[in-house]
Amino acid sequence: MSVNGGSATILTADATHVAFSVSGLGDDSGTVTFTDANNKTVQVNCHRGGRTNYTRPDLELRSLDGAINSLLSVSDPAGQINFSASRQHG
């Protein structure tokens, strides 16, 4: 998963249009959860129906405050979680 073009920090000025992409989903589904220091969240479901990449160029994260953590969870068509990874942004 790439968030904000790989930049380590999501600046407040950019929080209205954060780009992210997830590669290699295939038939699996992904859920990306962005969480701030106050445990407020923004969640996005990513499913490409057999296609490899999911891209979103304009995610709105303005409701989040302070440091943001992103968590990607990937599950197969049966709902079994195959993969989970997180990253701190700022």
PDB file of N, CA and C in Angstrom:
ATOM      1  N   MET A   1       0.839  -1.159   0.000  1.00  0.00           N
ATOM      2  CA  MET A   1       0.000   0.000   0.000  1.00  0.00           C
ATOM      3  C   MET A   1       0.891   1.230   0.000  1.00  0.00           C
ATOM      4  N   SER A   2       0.523   2.185  -0.811  1.00  0.00           N
ATOM      5  CA  SER A   2       1.198   3.469  -0.849  1.00  0.00           C
ATOM      6  C   SER A   2       0.196   4.541  -0.440  1.00  0.00           C
ATOM      7  N   VAL A   3       0.600   5.400   0.484  1.00  0.00           N
ATOM      8  CA  VAL A   3      -0.255   6.496   0.946  1.00  0.00           C
ATOM      9  C   VAL A   3       0.472   7.799   0.698  1.00  0.00           C
ATOM     10  N   ASN A   4      -0.233   8.763   0.114  1.00  0.00           N
ATOM     11  CA  ASN A   4       0.297  10.106  -0.093  1.00  0.00           C
ATOM     12  C   ASN A   4       1.596  10.082  -0.899  1.00  0.00           C
ATOM     13  N   GLY A   5       1.629   9.233  -1.903  1.00  0.00           N
ATOM     14  CA  GLY A   5       2.807   9.145  -2.758  1.00  0.00           C
ATOM     15  C   GLY A   5       4.042   8.613  -2.064  1.00  0.00           C
ATOM     16  N   GLY A   6       3.861   7.916  -0.931  1.00  0.00           N
ATOM     17  CA  GLY A   6       4.980   7.377  -0.182  1.00  0.00           C
ATOM     18  C   GLY A   6       5.573   8.340   0.826  1.00  0.00           C
ATOM     19  N   SER A   7       5.050   9.552   0.899  1.00  0.00           N
ATOM     20  CA  SER A   7       5.534  10.538   1.860  1.00  0.00           C
ATOM     21  C   SER A   7       5.237  10.073   3.280  1.00  0.00           C
ATOM     22  N   ALA A   8       6.164  10.313   4.191  1.00  0.00           N
ATOM     23  CA  ALA A   8       5.984   9.887   5.578  1.00  0.00           C
ATOM     24  C   ALA A   8       4.944  10.719   6.318  1.00  0.00           C
ATOM     25  N   THR A   9       4.682  11.940   5.851  1.00  0.00           N
ATOM     26  CA  THR A   9       3.782  12.845   6.555  1.00  0.00           C
ATOM     27  C   THR A   9       2.630  13.278   5.657  1.00  0.00           C
ATOM     28  N   ILE A  10       1.430  13.314   6.229  1.00  0.00           N
ATOM     29  CA  ILE A  10       0.261  13.860   5.547  1.00  0.00           C
ATOM     30  C   ILE A  10       0.050  15.252   6.131  1.00  0.00           C
ATOM     31  N   LEU A  11       0.320  16.272   5.357  1.00  0.00           N
ATOM     32  CA  LEU A  11       0.189  17.643   5.835  1.00  0.00           C
ATOM     33  C   LEU A  11      -1.273  18.052   5.912  1.00  0.00           C
ATOM     34  N   THR A  12      -1.593  18.930   6.848  1.00  0.00           N
ATOM     35  CA  THR A  12      -2.968  19.405   7.018  1.00  0.00           C
ATOM     36  C   THR A  12      -3.514  19.976   5.718  1.00  0.00           C
ATOM     37  N   ALA A  13      -2.704  20.727   4.998  1.00  0.00           N
ATOM     38  CA  ALA A  13      -3.149  21.325   3.737  1.00  0.00           C
ATOM     39  C   ALA A  13      -3.505  20.275   2.689  1.00  0.00           C
ATOM     40  N   ASP A  14      -2.926  19.080   2.802  1.00  0.00           N
ATOM     41  CA  ASP A  14      -3.178  18.006   1.832  1.00  0.00           C
ATOM     42  C   ASP A  14      -4.257  17.029   2.285  1.00  0.00           C
ATOM     43  N   ALA A  15      -4.800  17.218   3.476  1.00  0.00           N
ATOM     44  CA  ALA A  15      -5.720  16.241   4.065  1.00  0.00           C
ATOM     45  C   ALA A  15      -7.058  16.129   3.338  1.00  0.00           C
ATOM     46  N   THR A  16      -7.347  17.059   2.434  1.00  0.00           N
ATOM     47  CA  THR A  16      -8.614  16.987   1.695  1.00  0.00           C
ATOM     48  C   THR A  16      -8.515  16.117   0.454  1.00  0.00           C
ATOM     49  N   HIS A  17      -7.310  15.724   0.072  1.00  0.00           N
ATOM     50  CA  HIS A  17      -7.143  14.929  -1.145  1.00  0.00           C
ATOM     51  C   HIS A  17      -5.912  14.019  -1.047  1.00  0.00           C
ATOM     52  N   VAL A  18      -5.966  13.097  -0.094  1.00  0.00           N
ATOM     53  CA  VAL A  18      -4.860  12.161   0.103  1.00  0.00           C
ATOM     54  C   VAL A  18      -5.023  10.998  -0.875  1.00  0.00           C
ATOM     55  N   ALA A  19      -3.977  10.740  -1.630  1.00  0.00           N
ATOM     56  CA  ALA A  19      -4.001   9.631  -2.587  1.00  0.00           C
ATOM     57  C   ALA A  19      -3.467   8.366  -1.913  1.00  0.00           C
ATOM     58  N   PHE A  20      -4.083   7.234  -2.226  1.00  0.00           N
ATOM     59  CA  PHE A  20      -3.513   5.971  -1.783  1.00  0.00           C
ATOM     60  C   PHE A  20      -3.848   4.890  -2.787  1.00  0.00           C
ATOM     61  N   SER A  21      -3.024   3.851  -2.790  1.00  0.00           N
ATOM     62  CA  SER A  21      -3.264   2.722  -3.682  1.00  0.00           C
ATOM     63  C   SER A  21      -2.853   1.430  -2.986  1.00  0.00           C
ATOM     64  N   VAL A  22      -3.521   0.372  -3.377  1.00  0.00           N
ATOM     65  CA  VAL A  22      -3.238  -0.967  -2.863  1.00  0.00           C
ATOM     66  C   VAL A  22      -2.999  -1.854  -4.075  1.00  0.00           C
ATOM     67  N   SER A  23      -1.902  -2.589  -4.063  1.00  0.00           N
ATOM     68  CA  SER A  23      -1.547  -3.465  -5.186  1.00  0.00           C
ATOM     69  C   SER A  23      -1.665  -4.921  -4.787  1.00  0.00           C
ATOM     70  N   GLY A  24      -1.948  -5.759  -5.760  1.00  0.00           N
ATOM     71  CA  GLY A  24      -1.917  -7.202  -5.564  1.00  0.00           C
ATOM     72  C   GLY A  24      -3.142  -7.814  -4.911  1.00  0.00           C
ATOM     73  N   LEU A  25      -4.291  -7.151  -4.967  1.00  0.00           N
ATOM     74  CA  LEU A  25      -5.485  -7.701  -4.322  1.00  0.00           C
ATOM     75  C   LEU A  25      -6.057  -8.909  -5.063  1.00  0.00           C
ATOM     76  N   GLY A  26      -6.016  -8.899  -6.383  1.00  0.00           N
ATOM     77  CA  GLY A  26      -6.625 -10.001  -7.129  1.00  0.00           C
ATOM     78  C   GLY A  26      -8.083 -10.154  -6.751  1.00  0.00           C
ATOM     79  N   ASP A  27      -8.489 -11.351  -6.337  1.00  0.00           N
ATOM     80  CA  ASP A  27      -9.872 -11.595  -5.911  1.00  0.00           C
ATOM     81  C   ASP A  27     -10.109 -11.264  -4.444  1.00  0.00           C
ATOM     82  N   ASP A  28      -9.052 -10.905  -3.727  1.00  0.00           N
ATOM     83  CA  ASP A  28      -9.181 -10.583  -2.309  1.00  0.00           C
ATOM     84  C   ASP A  28      -9.772  -9.191  -2.123  1.00  0.00           C
ATOM     85  N   SER A  29     -10.216  -8.917  -0.918  1.00  0.00           N
ATOM     86  CA  SER A  29     -10.743  -7.606  -0.551  1.00  0.00           C
ATOM     87  C   SER A  29      -9.844  -6.993   0.503  1.00  0.00           C
ATOM     88  N   GLY A  30      -9.737  -5.685   0.478  1.00  0.00           N
ATOM     89  CA  GLY A  30      -8.940  -4.997   1.482  1.00  0.00           C
ATOM     90  C   GLY A  30      -9.759  -3.939   2.178  1.00  0.00           C
ATOM     91  N   THR A  31      -9.408  -3.672   3.420  1.00  0.00           N
ATOM     92  CA  THR A  31      -9.984  -2.572   4.171  1.00  0.00           C
ATOM     93  C   THR A  31      -8.825  -1.739   4.689  1.00  0.00           C
ATOM     94  N   VAL A  32      -8.845  -0.447   4.382  1.00  0.00           N
ATOM     95  CA  VAL A  32      -7.833   0.464   4.885  1.00  0.00           C
ATOM     96  C   VAL A  32      -8.502   1.342   5.932  1.00  0.00           C
ATOM     97  N   THR A  33      -7.916   1.363   7.120  1.00  0.00           N
ATOM     98  CA  THR A  33      -8.433   2.183   8.207  1.00  0.00           C
ATOM     99  C   THR A  33      -7.377   3.206   8.587  1.00  0.00           C
ATOM    100  N   PHE A  34      -7.748   4.479   8.539  1.00  0.00           N
ATOM    101  CA  PHE A  34      -6.882   5.571   8.964  1.00  0.00           C
ATOM    102  C   PHE A  34      -7.363   6.010  10.341  1.00  0.00           C
ATOM    103  N   THR A  35      -6.458   6.066  11.312  1.00  0.00           N
ATOM    104  CA  THR A  35      -6.803   6.406  12.691  1.00  0.00           C
ATOM    105  C   THR A  35      -5.907   7.531  13.179  1.00  0.00           C
ATOM    106  N   ASP A  36      -6.506   8.517  13.867  1.00  0.00           N
ATOM    107  CA  ASP A  36      -5.704   9.621  14.393  1.00  0.00           C
ATOM    108  C   ASP A  36      -5.368   9.402  15.869  1.00  0.00           C
ATOM    109  N   ALA A  37      -4.707  10.371  16.469  1.00  0.00           N
ATOM    110  CA  ALA A  37      -4.270  10.283  17.864  1.00  0.00           C
ATOM    111  C   ALA A  37      -5.442  10.205  18.838  1.00  0.00           C
ATOM    112  N   ASN A  38      -6.630  10.635  18.418  1.00  0.00           N
ATOM    113  CA  ASN A  38      -7.827  10.597  19.266  1.00  0.00           C
ATOM    114  C   ASN A  38      -8.703   9.381  18.978  1.00  0.00           C
ATOM    115  N   ASN A  39      -8.183   8.444  18.199  1.00  0.00           N
ATOM    116  CA  ASN A  39      -8.890   7.218  17.794  1.00  0.00           C
ATOM    117  C   ASN A  39     -10.094   7.461  16.894  1.00  0.00           C
ATOM    118  N   LYS A  40     -10.156   8.624  16.234  1.00  0.00           N
ATOM    119  CA  LYS A  40     -11.159   8.828  15.185  1.00  0.00           C
ATOM    120  C   LYS A  40     -10.667   8.081  13.953  1.00  0.00           C
ATOM    121  N   THR A  41     -11.595   7.537  13.181  1.00  0.00           N
ATOM    122  CA  THR A  41     -11.197   6.723  12.026  1.00  0.00           C
ATOM    123  C   THR A  41     -11.911   7.128  10.746  1.00  0.00           C
ATOM    124  N   VAL A  42     -11.255   6.834   9.626  1.00  0.00           N
ATOM    125  CA  VAL A  42     -11.833   6.878   8.291  1.00  0.00           C
ATOM    126  C   VAL A  42     -11.505   5.529   7.685  1.00  0.00           C
ATOM    127  N   GLN A  43     -12.530   4.830   7.200  1.00  0.00           N
ATOM    128  CA  GLN A  43     -12.338   3.487   6.675  1.00  0.00           C
ATOM    129  C   GLN A  43     -12.760   3.414   5.207  1.00  0.00           C
ATOM    130  N   VAL A  44     -11.962   2.694   4.412  1.00  0.00           N
ATOM    131  CA  VAL A  44     -12.233   2.547   2.988  1.00  0.00           C
ATOM    132  C   VAL A  44     -12.138   1.071   2.629  1.00  0.00           C
ATOM    133  N   ASN A  45     -13.166   0.563   1.951  1.00  0.00           N
ATOM    134  CA  ASN A  45     -13.140  -0.811   1.458  1.00  0.00           C
ATOM    135  C   ASN A  45     -12.569  -0.826   0.047  1.00  0.00           C
ATOM    136  N   CYS A  46     -11.644  -1.754  -0.198  1.00  0.00           N
ATOM    137  CA  CYS A  46     -10.949  -1.846  -1.480  1.00  0.00           C
ATOM    138  C   CYS A  46     -11.178  -3.233  -2.061  1.00  0.00           C
ATOM    139  N   HIS A  47     -11.894  -3.306  -3.146  1.00  0.00           N
ATOM    140  CA  HIS A  47     -12.096  -4.590  -3.818  1.00  0.00           C
ATOM    141  C   HIS A  47     -12.057  -4.350  -5.320  1.00  0.00           C
ATOM    142  N   ARG A  48     -11.209  -5.081  -5.985  1.00  0.00           N
ATOM    143  CA  ARG A  48     -11.037  -4.868  -7.420  1.00  0.00           C
ATOM    144  C   ARG A  48     -11.621  -5.985  -8.259  1.00  0.00           C
ATOM    145  N   GLY A  49     -12.242  -6.979  -7.675  1.00  0.00           N
ATOM    146  CA  GLY A  49     -12.905  -8.016  -8.461  1.00  0.00           C
ATOM    147  C   GLY A  49     -11.992  -8.718  -9.454  1.00  0.00           C
ATOM    148  N   GLY A  50     -10.836  -9.147  -9.013  1.00  0.00           N
ATOM    149  CA  GLY A  50      -9.917  -9.854  -9.877  1.00  0.00           C
ATOM    150  C   GLY A  50      -8.848  -8.982 -10.511  1.00  0.00           C
ATOM    151  N   ARG A  51      -9.052  -7.681 -10.495  1.00  0.00           N
ATOM    152  CA  ARG A  51      -8.001  -6.782 -11.001  1.00  0.00           C
ATOM    153  C   ARG A  51      -6.979  -6.545  -9.891  1.00  0.00           C
ATOM    154  N   THR A  52      -5.769  -6.204 -10.253  1.00  0.00           N
ATOM    155  CA  THR A  52      -4.667  -6.156  -9.301  1.00  0.00           C
ATOM    156  C   THR A  52      -4.657  -4.935  -8.394  1.00  0.00           C
ATOM    157  N   ASN A  53      -4.943  -3.752  -8.912  1.00  0.00           N
ATOM    158  CA  ASN A  53      -4.727  -2.522  -8.146  1.00  0.00           C
ATOM    159  C   ASN A  53      -6.017  -1.799  -7.788  1.00  0.00           C
ATOM    160  N   TYR A  54      -6.019  -1.151  -6.628  1.00  0.00           N
ATOM    161  CA  TYR A  54      -7.083  -0.252  -6.205  1.00  0.00           C
ATOM    162  C   TYR A  54      -6.426   1.097  -5.958  1.00  0.00           C
ATOM    163  N   THR A  55      -6.937   2.155  -6.565  1.00  0.00           N
ATOM    164  CA  THR A  55      -6.372   3.491  -6.394  1.00  0.00           C
ATOM    165  C   THR A  55      -7.477   4.472  -6.063  1.00  0.00           C
ATOM    166  N   ARG A  56      -7.190   5.339  -5.117  1.00  0.00           N
ATOM    167  CA  ARG A  56      -8.117   6.416  -4.771  1.00  0.00           C
ATOM    168  C   ARG A  56      -7.307   7.703  -4.678  1.00  0.00           C
ATOM    169  N   PRO A  57      -7.545   8.674  -5.556  1.00  0.00           N
ATOM    170  CA  PRO A  57      -6.714   9.885  -5.593  1.00  0.00           C
ATOM    171  C   PRO A  57      -7.154  10.998  -4.653  1.00  0.00           C
ATOM    172  N   ASP A  58      -8.315  10.852  -4.005  1.00  0.00           N
ATOM    173  CA  ASP A  58      -8.892  12.018  -3.338  1.00  0.00           C
ATOM    174  C   ASP A  58      -9.549  11.704  -1.996  1.00  0.00           C
ATOM    175  N   LEU A  59      -8.916  10.894  -1.183  1.00  0.00           N
ATOM    176  CA  LEU A  59      -9.497  10.532   0.107  1.00  0.00           C
ATOM    177  C   LEU A  59      -9.495  11.741   1.047  1.00  0.00           C
ATOM    178  N   GLU A  60     -10.607  11.968   1.702  1.00  0.00           N
ATOM    179  CA  GLU A  60     -10.786  13.097   2.622  1.00  0.00           C
ATOM    180  C   GLU A  60     -10.414  12.652   4.040  1.00  0.00           C
ATOM    181  N   LEU A  61      -9.325  13.196   4.583  1.00  0.00           N
ATOM    182  CA  LEU A  61      -8.890  12.867   5.944  1.00  0.00           C
ATOM    183  C   LEU A  61      -8.890  14.093   6.858  1.00  0.00           C
ATOM    184  N   ARG A  62      -9.554  15.144   6.440  1.00  0.00           N
ATOM    185  CA  ARG A  62      -9.563  16.394   7.204  1.00  0.00           C
ATOM    186  C   ARG A  62     -10.177  16.223   8.595  1.00  0.00           C
ATOM    187  N   SER A  63     -11.037  15.216   8.791  1.00  0.00           N
ATOM    188  CA  SER A  63     -11.667  14.999  10.098  1.00  0.00           C
ATOM    189  C   SER A  63     -10.700  14.401  11.116  1.00  0.00           C
ATOM    190  N   LEU A  64      -9.546  13.936  10.660  1.00  0.00           N
ATOM    191  CA  LEU A  64      -8.563  13.350  11.565  1.00  0.00           C
ATOM    192  C   LEU A  64      -7.599  14.417  12.059  1.00  0.00           C
ATOM    193  N   ASP A  65      -7.056  14.191  13.255  1.00  0.00           N
ATOM    194  CA  ASP A  65      -6.228  15.189  13.923  1.00  0.00           C
ATOM    195  C   ASP A  65      -4.897  14.595  14.369  1.00  0.00           C
ATOM    196  N   GLY A  66      -3.816  15.310  14.151  1.00  0.00           N
ATOM    197  CA  GLY A  66      -2.508  14.859  14.623  1.00  0.00           C
ATOM    198  C   GLY A  66      -1.954  13.726  13.780  1.00  0.00           C
ATOM    199  N   ALA A  67      -1.105  12.911  14.407  1.00  0.00           N
ATOM    200  CA  ALA A  67      -0.475  11.786  13.712  1.00  0.00           C
ATOM    201  C   ALA A  67      -1.538  10.791  13.246  1.00  0.00           C
ATOM    202  N   ILE A  68      -1.371  10.290  12.028  1.00  0.00           N
ATOM    203  CA  ILE A  68      -2.321   9.347  11.435  1.00  0.00           C
ATOM    204  C   ILE A  68      -1.622   8.018  11.206  1.00  0.00           C
ATOM    205  N   ASN A  69      -2.301   6.948  11.562  1.00  0.00           N
ATOM    206  CA  ASN A  69      -1.813   5.603  11.316  1.00  0.00           C
ATOM    207  C   ASN A  69      -2.730   4.965  10.275  1.00  0.00           C
ATOM    208  N   SER A  70      -2.148   4.247   9.317  1.00  0.00           N
ATOM    209  CA  SER A  70      -2.970   3.512   8.348  1.00  0.00           C
ATOM    210  C   SER A  70      -2.782   2.015   8.579  1.00  0.00           C
ATOM    211  N   LEU A  71      -3.871   1.288   8.479  1.00  0.00           N
ATOM    212  CA  LEU A  71      -3.867  -0.162   8.653  1.00  0.00           C
ATOM    213  C   LEU A  71      -4.561  -0.789   7.454  1.00  0.00           C
ATOM    214  N   LEU A  72      -3.879  -1.696   6.780  1.00  0.00           N
ATOM    215  CA  LEU A  72      -4.455  -2.444   5.663  1.00  0.00           C
ATOM    216  C   LEU A  72      -4.701  -3.869   6.119  1.00  0.00           C
ATOM    217  N   SER A  73      -5.925  -4.332   5.990  1.00  0.00           N
ATOM    218  CA  SER A  73      -6.271  -5.723   6.254  1.00  0.00           C
ATOM    219  C   SER A  73      -6.812  -6.316   4.965  1.00  0.00           C
ATOM    220  N   VAL A  74      -6.309  -7.479   4.582  1.00  0.00           N
ATOM    221  CA  VAL A  74      -6.719  -8.141   3.344  1.00  0.00           C
ATOM    222  C   VAL A  74      -7.334  -9.488   3.682  1.00  0.00           C
ATOM    223  N   SER A  75      -8.503  -9.751   3.094  1.00  0.00           N
ATOM    224  CA  SER A  75      -9.166 -11.033   3.321  1.00  0.00           C
ATOM    225  C   SER A  75      -9.514 -11.683   1.992  1.00  0.00           C
ATOM    226  N   ASP A  76      -9.580 -13.002   2.012  1.00  0.00           N
ATOM    227  CA  ASP A  76      -9.907 -13.745   0.800  1.00  0.00           C
ATOM    228  C   ASP A  76     -11.429 -13.780   0.610  1.00  0.00           C
ATOM    229  N   PRO A  77     -11.923 -14.342  -0.521  1.00  0.00           N
ATOM    230  CA  PRO A  77     -13.364 -14.369  -0.777  1.00  0.00           C
ATOM    231  C   PRO A  77     -14.179 -15.078   0.314  1.00  0.00           C
ATOM    232  N   ALA A  78     -13.546 -15.961   1.092  1.00  0.00           N
ATOM    233  CA  ALA A  78     -14.251 -16.657   2.177  1.00  0.00           C
ATOM    234  C   ALA A  78     -14.261 -15.831   3.463  1.00  0.00           C
ATOM    235  N   GLY A  79     -13.604 -14.668   3.437  1.00  0.00           N
ATOM    236  CA  GLY A  79     -13.599 -13.798   4.601  1.00  0.00           C
ATOM    237  C   GLY A  79     -12.457 -14.044   5.564  1.00  0.00           C
ATOM    238  N   GLN A  80     -11.518 -14.902   5.207  1.00  0.00           N
ATOM    239  CA  GLN A  80     -10.365 -15.185   6.063  1.00  0.00           C
ATOM    240  C   GLN A  80      -9.323 -14.081   5.889  1.00  0.00           C
ATOM    241  N   ILE A  81      -8.864 -13.504   6.991  1.00  0.00           N
ATOM    242  CA  ILE A  81      -7.851 -12.444   6.904  1.00  0.00           C
ATOM    243  C   ILE A  81      -6.509 -13.067   6.565  1.00  0.00           C
ATOM    244  N   ASN A  82      -5.923 -12.609   5.471  1.00  0.00           N
ATOM    245  CA  ASN A  82      -4.659 -13.132   4.972  1.00  0.00           C
ATOM    246  C   ASN A  82      -3.466 -12.265   5.359  1.00  0.00           C
ATOM    247  N   PHE A  83      -3.717 -10.982   5.579  1.00  0.00           N
ATOM    248  CA  PHE A  83      -2.597 -10.050   5.717  1.00  0.00           C
ATOM    249  C   PHE A  83      -3.074  -8.807   6.444  1.00  0.00           C
ATOM    250  N   SER A  84      -2.203  -8.267   7.264  1.00  0.00           N
ATOM    251  CA  SER A  84      -2.514  -7.020   7.944  1.00  0.00           C
ATOM    252  C   SER A  84      -1.202  -6.265   8.149  1.00  0.00           C
ATOM    253  N   ALA A  85      -1.167  -4.972   7.836  1.00  0.00           N
ATOM    254  CA  ALA A  85       0.039  -4.158   7.993  1.00  0.00           C
ATOM    255  C   ALA A  85      -0.349  -2.735   8.340  1.00  0.00           C
ATOM    256  N   SER A  86       0.462  -2.086   9.153  1.00  0.00           N
ATOM    257  CA  SER A  86       0.168  -0.699   9.521  1.00  0.00           C
ATOM    258  C   SER A  86       1.399   0.177   9.335  1.00  0.00           C
ATOM    259  N   ARG A  87       1.135   1.496   9.283  1.00  0.00           N
ATOM    260  CA  ARG A  87       2.216   2.473   9.107  1.00  0.00           C
ATOM    261  C   ARG A  87       1.791   3.796   9.734  1.00  0.00           C
ATOM    262  N   GLN A  88       2.738   4.464  10.360  1.00  0.00           N
ATOM    263  CA  GLN A  88       2.521   5.780  10.955  1.00  0.00           C
ATOM    264  C   GLN A  88       2.823   6.861   9.912  1.00  0.00           C
ATOM    265  N   HIS A  89       1.980   7.892   9.827  1.00  0.00           N
ATOM    266  CA  HIS A  89       2.170   9.001   8.875  1.00  0.00           C
ATOM    267  C   HIS A  89       2.243  10.314   9.651  1.00  0.00           C
ATOM    268  N   GLY A  90       3.418  10.682  10.076  1.00  0.00           N
ATOM    269  CA  GLY A  90       3.594  11.961  10.752  1.00  0.00           C
ATOM    270  C   GLY A  90       3.575  11.889  12.233  1.00  0.00           C
TER     271      GLY A  90
END
